[in-house]
C-alpha atoms as a PDB file:
ATOM      1  CA  MET A   1      19.534  22.409   5.347  1.00  0.00           C
ATOM      2  CA  VAL A   2      21.913  23.998   8.077  1.00  0.00           C
ATOM      3  CA  MET A   3      23.584  27.285   7.253  1.00  0.00           C
ATOM      4  CA  MET A   4      26.523  28.107   9.562  1.00  0.00           C
ATOM      5  CA  LEU A   5      26.867  31.788   9.780  1.00  0.00           C
ATOM      6  CA  GLU A   6      30.357  33.293   9.747  1.00  0.00           C
ATOM      7  CA  ASN A   7      29.914  36.859  10.436  1.00  0.00           C
ATOM      8  CA  GLY A   8      30.906  38.896  13.522  1.00  0.00           C
ATOM      9  CA  LEU A   9      28.164  38.490  15.929  1.00  0.00           C
ATOM     10  CA  ALA A  10      26.498  35.498  14.477  1.00  0.00           C
ATOM     11  CA  THR A  11      29.806  33.611  14.862  1.00  0.00           C
ATOM     12  CA  SER A  12      30.433  34.706  18.561  1.00  0.00           C
ATOM     13  CA  MET A  13      26.709  33.675  19.283  1.00  0.00           C
ATOM     14  CA  ASN A  14      27.036  30.210  17.436  1.00  0.00           C
ATOM     15  CA  ALA A  15      24.068  31.318  15.229  1.00  0.00           C
ATOM     16  CA  LYS A  16      22.602  28.922  12.326  1.00  0.00           C
ATOM     17  CA  ILE A  17      19.780  28.809  10.020  1.00  0.00           C
ATOM     18  CA  ILE A  18      18.008  25.432   9.594  1.00  0.00           C
ATOM     19  CA  GLY A  19      15.642  24.737   6.887  1.00  0.00           C
ATOM     20  CA  SER A  20      14.158  27.099   4.256  1.00  0.00           C
ATOM     21  CA  GLY A  21      11.179  28.927   3.365  1.00  0.00           C
ATOM     22  CA  SER A  22      10.106  32.414   3.024  1.00  0.00           C
ATOM     23  CA  GLU A  23       9.345  33.164   6.496  1.00  0.00           C
ATOM     24  CA  ALA A  24      11.898  33.190   9.223  1.00  0.00           C
ATOM     25  CA  ILE A  25      11.319  31.938  12.867  1.00  0.00           C
ATOM     26  CA  VAL A  26      13.954  33.226  15.518  1.00  0.00           C
ATOM     27  CA  LEU A  27      14.049  30.905  18.722  1.00  0.00           C
ATOM     28  CA  ALA A  28      15.507  32.571  21.779  1.00  0.00           C
ATOM     29  CA  HIS A  29      16.522  30.178  24.785  1.00  0.00           C
ATOM     30  CA  GLY A  30      16.190  31.653  28.411  1.00  0.00           C
ATOM     31  CA  PHE A  31      18.268  31.839  31.466  1.00  0.00           C
ATOM     32  CA  GLY A  32      20.980  28.765  31.809  1.00  0.00           C
ATOM     33  CA  GLY A  33      20.081  27.274  28.597  1.00  0.00           C
ATOM     34  CA  ASP A  34      21.460  27.207  24.982  1.00  0.00           C
ATOM     35  CA  GLN A  35      20.234  26.406  21.517  1.00  0.00           C
ATOM     36  CA  SER A  36      20.141  22.834  22.039  1.00  0.00           C
ATOM     37  CA  LEU A  37      16.837  23.191  24.046  1.00  0.00           C
ATOM     38  CA  TRP A  38      14.827  23.734  20.967  1.00  0.00           C
ATOM     39  CA  ASP A  39      16.130  20.362  19.456  1.00  0.00           C
ATOM     40  CA  LYS A  40      12.775  18.724  19.730  1.00  0.00           C
ATOM     41  CA  LEU A  41      10.840  21.460  17.747  1.00  0.00           C
ATOM     42  CA  LEU A  42      13.535  21.935  14.776  1.00  0.00           C
ATOM     43  CA  PRO A  43      12.570  19.069  12.676  1.00  0.00           C
ATOM     44  CA  LEU A  44       8.897  20.173  12.174  1.00  0.00           C
ATOM     45  CA  LEU A  45       9.680  23.866  11.949  1.00  0.00           C
ATOM     46  CA  SER A  46      12.320  23.646   9.484  1.00  0.00           C
ATOM     47  CA  GLN A  47      10.248  22.041   7.138  1.00  0.00           C
ATOM     48  CA  SER A  48       8.337  24.974   6.099  1.00  0.00           C
ATOM     49  CA  HIS A  49      10.569  27.935   7.496  1.00  0.00           C
ATOM     50  CA  ARG A  50      13.910  29.246   8.033  1.00  0.00           C
ATOM     51  CA  VAL A  51      14.590  28.843  11.477  1.00  0.00           C
ATOM     52  CA  LEU A  52      17.490  30.868  13.520  1.00  0.00           C
ATOM     53  CA  VAL A  53      18.919  29.516  16.556  1.00  0.00           C
ATOM     54  CA  PHE A  54      22.039  30.942  18.655  1.00  0.00           C
ATOM     55  CA  ASP A  55      23.227  31.190  22.211  1.00  0.00           C
ATOM     56  CA  TRP A  56      23.044  34.251  24.193  1.00  0.00           C
ATOM     57  CA  THR A  57      26.632  35.338  25.409  1.00  0.00           C
ATOM     58  CA  PHE A  58      25.911  34.137  28.841  1.00  0.00           C
ATOM     59  CA  SER A  59      25.555  30.543  27.641  1.00  0.00           C
ATOM     60  CA  GLY A  60      28.089  28.018  28.541  1.00  0.00           C
ATOM     61  CA  ALA A  61      27.879  26.859  24.881  1.00  0.00           C
ATOM     62  CA  VAL A  62      29.555  30.111  23.868  1.00  0.00           C
ATOM     63  CA  ARG A  63      33.388  29.599  23.260  1.00  0.00           C
ATOM     64  CA  ASP A  64      34.579  33.011  24.410  1.00  0.00           C
ATOM     65  CA  SER A  65      31.839  33.824  26.823  1.00  0.00           C
ATOM     66  CA  GLU A  66      34.367  34.900  29.544  1.00  0.00           C
ATOM     67  CA  SER A  67      35.281  37.852  27.336  1.00  0.00           C
ATOM     68  CA  LEU A  68      31.801  38.542  25.628  1.00  0.00           C
ATOM     69  CA  PHE A  69      29.715  38.529  28.786  1.00  0.00           C
ATOM     70  CA  ASP A  70      30.448  41.952  30.528  1.00  0.00           C
ATOM     71  CA  PRO A  71      28.384  42.250  33.689  1.00  0.00           C
ATOM     72  CA  VAL A  72      28.342  45.801  33.492  1.00  0.00           C
ATOM     73  CA  LYS A  73      27.051  45.988  30.084  1.00  0.00           C
ATOM     74  CA  TYR A  74      24.510  43.285  30.499  1.00  0.00           C
ATOM     75  CA  SER A  75      23.086  44.725  33.558  1.00  0.00           C
ATOM     76  CA  SER A  76      19.765  44.728  32.179  1.00  0.00           C
ATOM     77  CA  TYR A  77      17.855  43.311  29.087  1.00  0.00           C
ATOM     78  CA  ASP A  78      18.543  46.486  27.104  1.00  0.00           C
ATOM     79  CA  ALA A  79      21.909  45.204  25.968  1.00  0.00           C
ATOM     80  CA  PHE A  80      20.348  41.549  25.089  1.00  0.00           C
ATOM     81  CA  ALA A  81      17.417  43.522  22.885  1.00  0.00           C
ATOM     82  CA  ASP A  82      20.551  45.058  21.063  1.00  0.00           C
ATOM     83  CA  ASP A  83      22.231  41.945  20.238  1.00  0.00           C
ATOM     84  CA  LEU A  84      19.231  40.447  18.991  1.00  0.00           C
ATOM     85  CA  ILE A  85      18.528  43.366  16.824  1.00  0.00           C
ATOM     86  CA  ASN A  86      22.192  43.591  15.601  1.00  0.00           C
ATOM     87  CA  LEU A  87      22.127  39.657  14.833  1.00  0.00           C
ATOM     88  CA  MET A  88      18.902  40.034  12.760  1.00  0.00           C
ATOM     89  CA  ASP A  89      20.270  43.092  10.846  1.00  0.00           C
ATOM     90  CA  GLU A  90      23.393  40.913  10.087  1.00  0.00           C
ATOM     91  CA  ILE A  91      21.458  38.075   8.903  1.00  0.00           C
ATOM     92  CA  GLU A  92      19.038  40.471   6.974  1.00  0.00           C
ATOM     93  CA  LEU A  93      15.882  39.083   8.726  1.00  0.00           C
ATOM     94  CA  LYS A  94      12.805  41.161   8.666  1.00  0.00           C
ATOM     95  CA  SER A  95       9.226  40.575   9.714  1.00  0.00           C
ATOM     96  CA  SER A  96      10.245  37.360  11.545  1.00  0.00           C
ATOM     97  CA  ILE A  97       8.264  35.207  14.036  1.00  0.00           C
ATOM     98  CA  PHE A  98      10.270  35.595  17.241  1.00  0.00           C
ATOM     99  CA  VAL A  99       9.666  32.819  19.735  1.00  0.00           C
ATOM    100  CA  GLY A 100      11.330  33.773  23.120  1.00  0.00           C
ATOM    101  CA  HIS A 101      11.498  31.426  26.345  1.00  0.00           C
ATOM    102  CA  SER A 102      11.328  32.984  29.483  1.00  0.00           C
ATOM    103  CA  MET A 103      13.843  35.836  29.903  1.00  0.00           C
ATOM    104  CA  SER A 104      13.917  36.076  26.093  1.00  0.00           C
ATOM    105  CA  GLY A 105      10.313  36.824  26.024  1.00  0.00           C
ATOM    106  CA  MET A 106      10.925  40.227  27.455  1.00  0.00           C
ATOM    107  CA  ILE A 107      14.010  40.537  25.346  1.00  0.00           C
ATOM    108  CA  GLY A 108      11.977  39.969  22.358  1.00  0.00           C
ATOM    109  CA  CYS A 109       9.328  42.563  23.470  1.00  0.00           C
ATOM    110  CA  ILE A 110      11.808  45.275  24.086  1.00  0.00           C
ATOM    111  CA  ALA A 111      13.441  44.767  20.512  1.00  0.00           C
ATOM    112  CA  SER A 112       9.973  44.848  18.878  1.00  0.00           C
ATOM    113  CA  THR A 113       9.437  48.346  20.416  1.00  0.00           C
ATOM    114  CA  ARG A 114      12.800  49.451  18.806  1.00  0.00           C
ATOM    115  CA  ARG A 115      12.453  47.870  15.523  1.00  0.00           C
ATOM    116  CA  PRO A 116       8.722  46.963  15.009  1.00  0.00           C
ATOM    117  CA  GLU A 117       9.468  46.001  11.178  1.00  0.00           C
ATOM    118  CA  LEU A 118      11.877  43.005  12.404  1.00  0.00           C
ATOM    119  CA  PHE A 119       9.045  41.214  13.889  1.00  0.00           C
ATOM    120  CA  LYS A 120       5.674  40.066  12.545  1.00  0.00           C
ATOM    121  CA  ARG A 121       4.783  38.085  15.711  1.00  0.00           C
ATOM    122  CA  LEU A 122       6.063  37.463  19.113  1.00  0.00           C
ATOM    123  CA  ILE A 123       5.448  34.124  20.869  1.00  0.00           C
ATOM    124  CA  LEU A 124       6.394  34.392  24.462  1.00  0.00           C
ATOM    125  CA  ILE A 125       6.925  31.065  26.210  1.00  0.00           C
ATOM    126  CA  GLY A 126       7.057  31.239  30.249  1.00  0.00           C
ATOM    127  CA  ALA A 127       7.670  34.858  30.016  1.00  0.00           C
ATOM    128  CA  SER A 128       7.366  37.187  32.959  1.00  0.00           C
ATOM    129  CA  PRO A 129       7.814  41.025  33.137  1.00  0.00           C
ATOM    130  CA  ARG A 130       8.392  40.914  37.005  1.00  0.00           C
ATOM    131  CA  TYR A 131       9.158  37.874  39.344  1.00  0.00           C
ATOM    132  CA  ILE A 132       8.447  39.710  42.772  1.00  0.00           C
ATOM    133  CA  ASN A 133       4.960  40.000  44.320  1.00  0.00           C
ATOM    134  CA  THR A 134       3.631  43.683  44.807  1.00  0.00           C
ATOM    135  CA  ASP A 135       0.473  44.789  46.401  1.00  0.00           C
ATOM    136  CA  ASP A 136      -1.341  44.774  43.198  1.00  0.00           C
ATOM    137  CA  TYR A 137       0.763  41.932  41.146  1.00  0.00           C
ATOM    138  CA  GLU A 138       1.609  38.421  41.602  1.00  0.00           C
ATOM    139  CA  GLY A 139       4.779  37.620  40.293  1.00  0.00           C
ATOM    140  CA  GLY A 140       5.385  34.536  41.976  1.00  0.00           C
ATOM    141  CA  PHE A 141       7.834  35.190  44.816  1.00  0.00           C
ATOM    142  CA  ASN A 142       8.348  37.444  47.633  1.00  0.00           C
ATOM    143  CA  SER A 143      11.592  39.428  48.085  1.00  0.00           C
ATOM    144  CA  SER A 144      13.155  37.097  50.642  1.00  0.00           C
ATOM    145  CA  GLU A 145      12.701  34.056  48.238  1.00  0.00           C
ATOM    146  CA  ILE A 146      14.440  35.718  45.587  1.00  0.00           C
ATOM    147  CA  GLU A 147      17.036  36.639  47.789  1.00  0.00           C
ATOM    148  CA  GLN A 148      17.576  33.066  48.990  1.00  0.00           C
ATOM    149  CA  ILE A 149      18.058  32.226  45.257  1.00  0.00           C
ATOM    150  CA  ILE A 150      20.685  34.690  44.753  1.00  0.00           C
ATOM    151  CA  SER A 151      22.455  33.626  47.732  1.00  0.00           C
ATOM    152  CA  ASN A 152      22.496  30.041  46.758  1.00  0.00           C
ATOM    153  CA  ILE A 153      23.819  30.705  43.142  1.00  0.00           C
ATOM    154  CA  GLU A 154      26.549  32.780  44.871  1.00  0.00           C
ATOM    155  CA  PHE A 155      27.744  30.349  47.684  1.00  0.00           C
ATOM    156  CA  ASN A 156      26.778  26.684  46.203  1.00  0.00           C
ATOM    157  CA  TYR A 157      26.141  27.032  42.733  1.00  0.00           C
ATOM    158  CA  GLU A 158      26.622  23.401  41.626  1.00  0.00           C
ATOM    159  CA  THR A 159      24.028  22.097  44.299  1.00  0.00           C
ATOM    160  CA  TRP A 160      21.565  24.874  43.417  1.00  0.00           C
ATOM    161  CA  ALA A 161      22.022  24.232  39.797  1.00  0.00           C
ATOM    162  CA  SER A 162      20.737  20.593  40.486  1.00  0.00           C
ATOM    163  CA  ALA A 163      18.065  21.446  42.606  1.00  0.00           C
ATOM    164  CA  PHE A 164      16.646  24.222  40.406  1.00  0.00           C
ATOM    165  CA  ALA A 165      16.614  21.894  37.340  1.00  0.00           C
ATOM    166  CA  SER A 166      14.495  19.685  39.158  1.00  0.00           C
ATOM    167  CA  LEU A 167      11.957  22.072  40.315  1.00  0.00           C
ATOM    168  CA  VAL A 168      11.529  24.035  36.951  1.00  0.00           C
ATOM    169  CA  VAL A 169      11.598  20.827  34.588  1.00  0.00           C
ATOM    170  CA  ASP A 170       9.017  18.394  34.938  1.00  0.00           C
ATOM    171  CA  ALA A 171      10.605  16.008  37.488  1.00  0.00           C
ATOM    172  CA  ASN A 172       8.732  13.002  35.692  1.00  0.00           C
ATOM    173  CA  ASP A 173      10.982  13.692  32.541  1.00  0.00           C
ATOM    174  CA  THR A 174      14.340  12.627  34.007  1.00  0.00           C
ATOM    175  CA  LEU A 175      16.353  13.145  30.616  1.00  0.00           C
ATOM    176  CA  SER A 176      14.910  16.664  30.148  1.00  0.00           C
ATOM    177  CA  VAL A 177      15.841  17.528  33.653  1.00  0.00           C
ATOM    178  CA  GLU A 178      19.364  16.060  33.231  1.00  0.00           C
ATOM    179  CA  LYS A 179      19.749  18.194  29.961  1.00  0.00           C
ATOM    180  CA  PHE A 180      18.895  21.366  31.560  1.00  0.00           C
ATOM    181  CA  GLN A 181      21.217  20.531  34.356  1.00  0.00           C
ATOM    182  CA  LYS A 182      24.074  19.997  31.910  1.00  0.00           C
ATOM    183  CA  CYS A 183      23.280  23.371  30.391  1.00  0.00           C
ATOM    184  CA  LEU A 184      23.249  25.174  33.780  1.00  0.00           C
ATOM    185  CA  LYS A 185      26.374  23.729  34.995  1.00  0.00           C
ATOM    186  CA  ARG A 186      28.201  24.921  31.673  1.00  0.00           C
ATOM    187  CA  MET A 187      27.583  28.263  32.665  1.00  0.00           C
ATOM    188  CA  ARG A 188      30.313  30.102  34.690  1.00  0.00           C
ATOM    189  CA  PRO A 189      29.209  30.599  38.360  1.00  0.00           C
ATOM    190  CA  GLN A 190      29.778  34.364  38.185  1.00  0.00           C
ATOM    191  CA  VAL A 191      27.969  34.930  34.998  1.00  0.00           C
ATOM    192  CA  ALA A 192      24.835  32.945  36.239  1.00  0.00           C
ATOM    193  CA  LEU A 193      24.996  35.074  39.471  1.00  0.00           C
ATOM    194  CA  SER A 194      25.153  38.257  37.280  1.00  0.00           C
ATOM    195  CA  LEU A 195      22.493  37.282  35.140  1.00  0.00           C
ATOM    196  CA  ALA A 196      20.225  36.001  37.888  1.00  0.00           C
ATOM    197  CA  LYS A 197      20.177  39.010  39.413  1.00  0.00           C
ATOM    198  CA  VAL A 198      19.110  40.990  36.197  1.00  0.00           C
ATOM    199  CA  VAL A 199      16.177  38.115  35.804  1.00  0.00           C
ATOM    200  CA  PHE A 200      14.849  37.923  38.995  1.00  0.00           C
ATOM    201  CA  TYR A 201      15.053  41.731  39.946  1.00  0.00           C
ATOM    202  CA  CYS A 202      13.606  42.750  36.515  1.00  0.00           C
ATOM    203  CA  ASP A 203      10.798  44.878  36.383  1.00  0.00           C
ATOM    204  CA  GLU A 204       9.570  45.383  32.716  1.00  0.00           C
ATOM    205  CA  ARG A 205       5.657  46.096  33.436  1.00  0.00           C
ATOM    206  CA  GLU A 206       5.935  49.566  32.101  1.00  0.00           C
ATOM    207  CA  MET A 207       7.617  48.468  28.831  1.00  0.00           C
ATOM    208  CA  LEU A 208       4.658  46.234  27.831  1.00  0.00           C
ATOM    209  CA  ASP A 209       2.584  49.536  27.236  1.00  0.00           C
ATOM    210  CA  LYS A 210       4.782  49.959  24.315  1.00  0.00           C
ATOM    211  CA  VAL A 211       4.546  46.467  22.461  1.00  0.00           C
ATOM    212  CA  VAL A 212       2.208  46.734  19.161  1.00  0.00           C
ATOM    213  CA  THR A 213       3.255  43.666  17.512  1.00  0.00           C
ATOM    214  CA  PRO A 214       0.842  40.654  17.671  1.00  0.00           C
ATOM    215  CA  CYS A 215       1.567  38.247  20.553  1.00  0.00           C
ATOM    216  CA  THR A 216       0.857  34.979  21.706  1.00  0.00           C
ATOM    217  CA  ILE A 217       1.692  34.100  25.340  1.00  0.00           C
ATOM    218  CA  ILE A 218       2.078  30.365  26.166  1.00  0.00           C
ATOM    219  CA  GLN A 219       2.080  28.984  29.584  1.00  0.00           C
ATOM    220  CA  THR A 220       1.866  25.453  31.060  1.00  0.00           C
ATOM    221  CA  SER A 221      -0.890  24.826  33.174  1.00  0.00           C
ATOM    222  CA  ASN A 222       1.576  24.458  36.178  1.00  0.00           C
ATOM    223  CA  ASP A 223       4.547  26.569  35.895  1.00  0.00           C
ATOM    224  CA  ILE A 224       6.489  27.034  39.213  1.00  0.00           C
ATOM    225  CA  VAL A 225       8.444  30.030  37.928  1.00  0.00           C
ATOM    226  CA  VAL A 226       5.512  31.918  36.335  1.00  0.00           C
ATOM    227  CA  PRO A 227       1.819  31.755  37.705  1.00  0.00           C
ATOM    228  CA  ASN A 228      -0.700  31.726  34.984  1.00  0.00           C
ATOM    229  CA  GLY A 229      -1.974  35.124  36.035  1.00  0.00           C
ATOM    230  CA  VAL A 230       1.183  36.645  34.624  1.00  0.00           C
ATOM    231  CA  ALA A 231       0.322  35.353  31.172  1.00  0.00           C
ATOM    232  CA  PHE A 232      -3.175  37.282  31.274  1.00  0.00           C
ATOM    233  CA  TYR A 233      -1.405  40.419  32.721  1.00  0.00           C
ATOM    234  CA  ILE A 234       0.955  40.631  29.866  1.00  0.00           C
ATOM    235  CA  GLN A 235      -2.309  40.053  27.618  1.00  0.00           C
ATOM    236  CA  ASN A 236      -3.775  42.985  29.016  1.00  0.00           C
ATOM    237  CA  LYS A 237      -0.900  45.332  29.077  1.00  0.00           C
ATOM    238  CA  ILE A 238       0.324  45.066  25.637  1.00  0.00           C
ATOM    239  CA  LYS A 239      -0.988  47.147  22.851  1.00  0.00           C
ATOM    240  CA  GLY A 240      -0.812  44.653  20.059  1.00  0.00           C
ATOM    241  CA  LYS A 241      -3.406  41.803  19.505  1.00  0.00           C
ATOM    242  CA  SER A 242      -2.780  39.345  21.873  1.00  0.00           C
ATOM    243  CA  THR A 243      -3.851  35.694  23.007  1.00  0.00           C
ATOM    244  CA  VAL A 244      -3.033  33.408  25.891  1.00  0.00           C
ATOM    245  CA  GLU A 245      -2.512  29.393  25.349  1.00  0.00           C
ATOM    246  CA  ILE A 246      -2.599  27.310  28.129  1.00  0.00           C
ATOM    247  CA  ILE A 247      -0.871  24.015  27.373  1.00  0.00           C
ATOM    248  CA  ASP A 248      -3.130  21.634  29.585  1.00  0.00           C
ATOM    249  CA  SER A 249      -1.639  18.764  31.855  1.00  0.00           C
ATOM    250  CA  SER A 250       1.899  19.940  31.419  1.00  0.00           C
ATOM    251  CA  GLU A 251       4.153  20.670  34.226  1.00  0.00           C
ATOM    252  CA  GLY A 252       7.170  22.896  34.335  1.00  0.00           C
ATOM    253  CA  HIS A 253       8.901  25.730  32.637  1.00  0.00           C
ATOM    254  CA  PHE A 254      10.117  23.986  29.594  1.00  0.00           C
ATOM    255  CA  PRO A 255       7.226  22.952  27.333  1.00  0.00           C
ATOM    256  CA  MET A 256       9.967  22.585  24.687  1.00  0.00           C
ATOM    257  CA  LEU A 257      11.397  19.795  26.355  1.00  0.00           C
ATOM    258  CA  THR A 258       8.474  18.137  28.359  1.00  0.00           C
ATOM    259  CA  ALA A 259       5.587  18.931  26.166  1.00  0.00           C
ATOM    260  CA  HIS A 260       6.805  19.485  22.975  1.00  0.00           C
ATOM    261  CA  LEU A 261       3.991  17.617  20.705  1.00  0.00           C
ATOM    262  CA  GLN A 262       1.459  19.819  22.495  1.00  0.00           C
ATOM    263  CA  LEU A 263       3.809  23.229  21.955  1.00  0.00           C
ATOM    264  CA  LEU A 264       4.217  22.238  18.352  1.00  0.00           C
ATOM    265  CA  ASP A 265       0.328  22.114  18.016  1.00  0.00           C
ATOM    266  CA  VAL A 266      -0.056  25.446  19.382  1.00  0.00           C
ATOM    267  CA  LEU A 267       2.879  26.888  17.228  1.00  0.00           C
ATOM    268  CA  LYS A 268       1.454  24.960  13.959  1.00  0.00           C
ATOM    269  CA  GLY A 269      -1.864  26.915  14.748  1.00  0.00           C
ATOM    270  CA  LEU A 270      -0.213  30.221  14.819  1.00  0.00           C
ATOM    271  CA  LEU A 271       2.328  29.368  11.818  1.00  0.00           C
END
């Protein structure tokens, strides 16, 4: 069963509920993506749960993204957390299982600190509170590498999008690489540039201390974007009961595309 949602924010964000059940799962995609990145998981998850999928306002799949995405408003993760809370309130979801990929992992964490009753569990896939290394923290990139990424997005977005997709998605899975490339290239370059600055310059490490919702952090065994040490850093920082799951023999930042069966095994164990 697919239920299209036709209220204010739900309509703007292409929200729909798939399946039925007493519990709800919220699937939130990351930078450059849209809800189609969850397609391989939906048939199984929707057998036993109501699954909410949607597109963030930056996504190229959003019809009015030019008017909906305000770079000033979305200059941090805070406005995204507000959108998530408002969307869940609009649909009347409570005590839901939130699955956030990449940047959405931190957005879900922030939202859970503001409205903990909305979240039964947080499942973070490839999430990171900070991408830039410091003396006592390995985020995966030095400052000059991040500056180069931002410059490439600003001055040659199409070329960067093709190259980035090949790096962050398992290159052996050409169909998945192409799928993410298409998502990236549907984004308006100026939106991608603004959002990339928010993501790659973020520092949400202190916020993690406020998270009390039970949490599972999922990583592939080799993610070029997020070192595995980040998952254990998150586990140690948050106050809620937490576990780390490493999907062995899996490459890349998008297990929902390239290792969906292994990811489903982990999710089934949690659900």
